[in-house]
Amino acid sequence: MSMPTPLPVSAPAGFAPLAAIGFTQADATLSPVSSSAPLPVTVQGSSPSAPLEGTATGPATAGPFALTSASPVILSLSGTWTGTVRVLRSVDGGATRLPLTVAGQPFATYTSNCCEAVWEEGASGAELYLNIALTGGTLSYRIEQ
């Protein structure tokens, strides 16, 4: 059995209605959404926290860095230093600070310079701290979103 040949679709009136998304411009005209006129949107939420930055020449704790959005947290470590830097997380104002882990294994523990995304947070009120255990040199650090 053979399939019938499909017939072209035609509108009985010789035209087809067009549906499009648009938005009102400041002069009250309608502007259709396109690549040259994208839909105007604003991301709602808190402003990003000021970066947490400084230097250390010995053991120290830096923080808190208040997380304000679900965007990645970037950690930068630089300088000539020896030791370990661990990122800690708290949801109780710093009373309890737990090291970051992935599948129960240590995560975000550094012994050399870096510049990378270390965390994304969804919980309101979470804060990050740096546990700095230097044995020599000078470390410059920065956490930002």
C-alpha atoms as a PDB file:
ATOM      1  CA  MET A   1       0.000   0.000   0.000  1.00  0.00           C
ATOM      2  CA  SER A   2       1.499   3.333  -0.976  1.00  0.00           C
ATOM      3  CA  MET A   3       1.167   6.534   1.034  1.00  0.00           C
ATOM      4  CA  PRO A   4      -0.778   9.360  -0.587  1.00  0.00           C
ATOM      5  CA  THR A   5       1.229  12.365  -1.715  1.00  0.00           C
ATOM      6  CA  PRO A   6       0.777  15.192   0.806  1.00  0.00           C
ATOM      7  CA  LEU A   7      -0.974  18.263  -0.490  1.00  0.00           C
ATOM      8  CA  PRO A   8       0.436  21.731   0.168  1.00  0.00           C
ATOM      9  CA  VAL A   9      -1.314  23.691   2.882  1.00  0.00           C
ATOM     10  CA  SER A  10      -2.858  26.936   1.742  1.00  0.00           C
ATOM     11  CA  ALA A  11      -4.847  29.530   3.578  1.00  0.00           C
ATOM     12  CA  PRO A  12      -8.285  29.989   2.048  1.00  0.00           C
ATOM     13  CA  ALA A  13      -8.010  33.791   2.076  1.00  0.00           C
ATOM     14  CA  GLY A  14      -4.519  33.897   0.560  1.00  0.00           C
ATOM     15  CA  PHE A  15      -2.789  34.984   3.752  1.00  0.00           C
ATOM     16  CA  ALA A  16      -1.785  33.478   7.087  1.00  0.00           C
ATOM     17  CA  PRO A  17      -1.952  35.374  10.379  1.00  0.00           C
ATOM     18  CA  LEU A  18       1.407  36.139  12.011  1.00  0.00           C
ATOM     19  CA  ALA A  19       1.919  35.844  15.762  1.00  0.00           C
ATOM     20  CA  ALA A  20       4.947  37.481  17.390  1.00  0.00           C
ATOM     21  CA  ILE A  21       6.140  38.640  20.778  1.00  0.00           C
ATOM     22  CA  GLY A  22       6.743  42.329  21.205  1.00  0.00           C
ATOM     23  CA  PHE A  23       7.181  45.007  23.845  1.00  0.00           C
ATOM     24  CA  THR A  24       6.269  48.637  24.198  1.00  0.00           C
ATOM     25  CA  GLN A  25       8.998  51.188  23.554  1.00  0.00           C
ATOM     26  CA  ALA A  26       9.290  54.437  25.533  1.00  0.00           C
ATOM     27  CA  ASP A  27       7.388  56.259  22.754  1.00  0.00           C
ATOM     28  CA  ALA A  28       4.459  53.780  23.106  1.00  0.00           C
ATOM     29  CA  THR A  29       5.181  51.992  19.792  1.00  0.00           C
ATOM     30  CA  LEU A  30       5.311  48.222  19.577  1.00  0.00           C
ATOM     31  CA  SER A  31       8.704  46.675  18.917  1.00  0.00           C
ATOM     32  CA  PRO A  32       8.752  43.011  17.838  1.00  0.00           C
ATOM     33  CA  VAL A  33      11.388  40.886  19.540  1.00  0.00           C
ATOM     34  CA  SER A  34      14.353  40.111  17.281  1.00  0.00           C
ATOM     35  CA  SER A  35      18.102  39.634  17.523  1.00  0.00           C
ATOM     36  CA  SER A  36      18.551  43.390  17.091  1.00  0.00           C
ATOM     37  CA  ALA A  37      15.766  44.203  19.617  1.00  0.00           C
ATOM     38  CA  PRO A  38      15.878  41.497  22.321  1.00  0.00           C
ATOM     39  CA  LEU A  39      13.196  41.241  24.985  1.00  0.00           C
ATOM     40  CA  PRO A  40      14.189  43.668  27.743  1.00  0.00           C
ATOM     41  CA  VAL A  41      14.574  41.728  30.984  1.00  0.00           C
ATOM     42  CA  THR A  42      16.168  42.458  34.313  1.00  0.00           C
ATOM     43  CA  VAL A  43      17.578  39.859  36.673  1.00  0.00           C
ATOM     44  CA  GLN A  44      15.937  40.334  40.046  1.00  0.00           C
ATOM     45  CA  GLY A  45      17.832  39.708  43.247  1.00  0.00           C
ATOM     46  CA  SER A  46      20.477  41.089  45.490  1.00  0.00           C
ATOM     47  CA  SER A  47      23.449  43.055  44.323  1.00  0.00           C
ATOM     48  CA  PRO A  48      26.662  41.053  44.434  1.00  0.00           C
ATOM     49  CA  SER A  49      28.720  41.281  47.601  1.00  0.00           C
ATOM     50  CA  ALA A  50      31.904  43.267  47.560  1.00  0.00           C
ATOM     51  CA  PRO A  51      34.845  40.950  46.877  1.00  0.00           C
ATOM     52  CA  LEU A  52      36.665  39.556  49.890  1.00  0.00           C
ATOM     53  CA  GLU A  53      40.343  40.226  49.307  1.00  0.00           C
ATOM     54  CA  GLY A  54      43.541  40.627  51.232  1.00  0.00           C
ATOM     55  CA  THR A  55      46.977  39.203  51.961  1.00  0.00           C
ATOM     56  CA  ALA A  56      48.316  36.784  54.542  1.00  0.00           C
ATOM     57  CA  THR A  57      51.831  35.977  55.738  1.00  0.00           C
ATOM     58  CA  GLY A  58      50.887  33.346  58.313  1.00  0.00           C
ATOM     59  CA  PRO A  59      47.918  31.353  59.606  1.00  0.00           C
ATOM     60  CA  ALA A  60      44.661  33.318  59.271  1.00  0.00           C
ATOM     61  CA  THR A  61      40.924  33.102  58.691  1.00  0.00           C
ATOM     62  CA  ALA A  62      39.410  35.370  56.065  1.00  0.00           C
ATOM     63  CA  GLY A  63      35.711  36.027  55.847  1.00  0.00           C
ATOM     64  CA  PRO A  64      32.865  35.981  55.840  1.00  0.00           C
ATOM     65  CA  PHE A  65      32.013  36.349  52.169  1.00  0.00           C
ATOM     66  CA  ALA A  66      28.206  36.604  51.933  1.00  0.00           C
ATOM     67  CA  LEU A  67      26.788  34.737  48.950  1.00  0.00           C
ATOM     68  CA  THR A  68      24.087  36.751  47.194  1.00  0.00           C
ATOM     69  CA  SER A  69      23.133  34.775  44.103  1.00  0.00           C
ATOM     70  CA  ALA A  70      23.378  31.398  42.461  1.00  0.00           C
ATOM     71  CA  SER A  71      26.235  32.575  40.249  1.00  0.00           C
ATOM     72  CA  PRO A  72      29.639  30.884  40.581  1.00  0.00           C
ATOM     73  CA  VAL A  73      32.047  31.976  43.285  1.00  0.00           C
ATOM     74  CA  ILE A  74      35.524  32.678  41.883  1.00  0.00           C
ATOM     75  CA  LEU A  75      38.603  32.185  44.073  1.00  0.00           C
ATOM     76  CA  SER A  76      41.955  33.706  43.131  1.00  0.00           C
ATOM     77  CA  LEU A  77      45.123  32.841  45.043  1.00  0.00           C
ATOM     78  CA  SER A  78      48.444  34.388  44.046  1.00  0.00           C
ATOM     79  CA  GLY A  79      51.889  35.153  45.377  1.00  0.00           C
ATOM     80  CA  THR A  80      54.890  33.141  46.492  1.00  0.00           C
ATOM     81  CA  TRP A  81      53.712  31.033  49.402  1.00  0.00           C
ATOM     82  CA  THR A  82      53.721  27.578  50.931  1.00  0.00           C
ATOM     83  CA  GLY A  83      50.947  26.028  52.955  1.00  0.00           C
ATOM     84  CA  THR A  84      47.280  25.206  52.474  1.00  0.00           C
ATOM     85  CA  VAL A  85      44.150  27.246  51.831  1.00  0.00           C
ATOM     86  CA  ARG A  86      40.730  25.645  52.362  1.00  0.00           C
ATOM     87  CA  VAL A  87      37.323  27.097  51.543  1.00  0.00           C
ATOM     88  CA  LEU A  88      34.828  26.700  54.399  1.00  0.00           C
ATOM     89  CA  ARG A  89      31.037  27.174  54.333  1.00  0.00           C
ATOM     90  CA  SER A  90      28.701  28.345  57.075  1.00  0.00           C
ATOM     91  CA  VAL A  91      24.937  28.774  57.273  1.00  0.00           C
ATOM     92  CA  ASP A  92      24.814  29.893  60.932  1.00  0.00           C
ATOM     93  CA  GLY A  93      26.743  33.151  60.868  1.00  0.00           C
ATOM     94  CA  GLY A  94      30.143  31.482  61.156  1.00  0.00           C
ATOM     95  CA  ALA A  95      29.498  29.491  64.343  1.00  0.00           C
ATOM     96  CA  THR A  96      29.970  26.265  62.362  1.00  0.00           C
ATOM     97  CA  ARG A  97      32.358  26.275  59.402  1.00  0.00           C
ATOM     98  CA  LEU A  98      32.565  23.124  57.332  1.00  0.00           C
ATOM     99  CA  PRO A  99      35.072  22.394  54.552  1.00  0.00           C
ATOM    100  CA  LEU A 100      33.626  21.996  51.060  1.00  0.00           C
ATOM    101  CA  THR A 101      33.389  18.412  49.823  1.00  0.00           C
ATOM    102  CA  VAL A 102      32.227  16.554  46.736  1.00  0.00           C
ATOM    103  CA  ALA A 103      30.949  13.013  47.254  1.00  0.00           C
ATOM    104  CA  GLY A 104      32.447  13.118  50.745  1.00  0.00           C
ATOM    105  CA  GLN A 105      35.927  13.934  49.466  1.00  0.00           C
ATOM    106  CA  PRO A 106      37.819  17.190  50.160  1.00  0.00           C
ATOM    107  CA  PHE A 107      37.148  19.934  47.629  1.00  0.00           C
ATOM    108  CA  ALA A 108      38.449  23.496  47.298  1.00  0.00           C
ATOM    109  CA  THR A 109      41.724  22.842  49.150  1.00  0.00           C
ATOM    110  CA  TYR A 110      44.744  24.545  47.558  1.00  0.00           C
ATOM    111  CA  THR A 111      48.524  24.368  47.884  1.00  0.00           C
ATOM    112  CA  SER A 112      49.337  26.622  44.904  1.00  0.00           C
ATOM    113  CA  ASN A 113      48.038  29.655  43.032  1.00  0.00           C
ATOM    114  CA  CYS A 114      44.675  29.394  41.291  1.00  0.00           C
ATOM    115  CA  CYS A 115      41.877  31.342  39.653  1.00  0.00           C
ATOM    116  CA  GLU A 116      38.744  29.230  39.329  1.00  0.00           C
ATOM    117  CA  ALA A 117      35.094  28.730  40.181  1.00  0.00           C
ATOM    118  CA  VAL A 118      34.874  26.973  43.536  1.00  0.00           C
ATOM    119  CA  TRP A 119      31.210  26.974  44.518  1.00  0.00           C
ATOM    120  CA  GLU A 120      27.605  27.764  43.609  1.00  0.00           C
ATOM    121  CA  GLU A 121      25.143  28.289  46.412  1.00  0.00           C
ATOM    122  CA  GLY A 122      21.382  28.023  46.633  1.00  0.00           C
ATOM    123  CA  ALA A 123      20.841  28.491  50.368  1.00  0.00           C
ATOM    124  CA  SER A 124      19.947  31.935  51.649  1.00  0.00           C
ATOM    125  CA  GLY A 125      22.356  33.312  54.243  1.00  0.00           C
ATOM    126  CA  ALA A 126      25.289  31.048  53.379  1.00  0.00           C
ATOM    127  CA  GLU A 127      28.799  32.446  53.817  1.00  0.00           C
ATOM    128  CA  LEU A 128      32.258  31.327  52.763  1.00  0.00           C
ATOM    129  CA  TYR A 129      35.510  31.641  54.707  1.00  0.00           C
ATOM    130  CA  LEU A 130      39.132  30.897  53.873  1.00  0.00           C
ATOM    131  CA  ASN A 131      41.138  28.837  56.324  1.00  0.00           C
ATOM    132  CA  ILE A 132      44.708  29.917  55.564  1.00  0.00           C
ATOM    133  CA  ALA A 133      47.514  27.770  56.980  1.00  0.00           C
ATOM    134  CA  LEU A 134      50.691  29.346  55.576  1.00  0.00           C
ATOM    135  CA  THR A 135      54.131  28.060  56.489  1.00  0.00           C
ATOM    136  CA  GLY A 136      55.983  30.691  54.449  1.00  0.00           C
ATOM    137  CA  GLY A 137      55.733  33.529  51.963  1.00  0.00           C
ATOM    138  CA  THR A 138      52.940  35.955  51.198  1.00  0.00           C
ATOM    139  CA  LEU A 139      49.530  34.970  49.829  1.00  0.00           C
ATOM    140  CA  SER A 140      47.113  37.316  48.088  1.00  0.00           C
ATOM    141  CA  TYR A 141      43.503  36.094  47.966  1.00  0.00           C
ATOM    142  CA  ARG A 142      40.209  37.230  46.437  1.00  0.00           C
ATOM    143  CA  ILE A 143      36.719  35.718  46.493  1.00  0.00           C
ATOM    144  CA  GLU A 144      34.016  37.232  44.296  1.00  0.00           C
ATOM    145  CA  GLN A 145      30.760  36.499  42.505  1.00  0.00           C
END
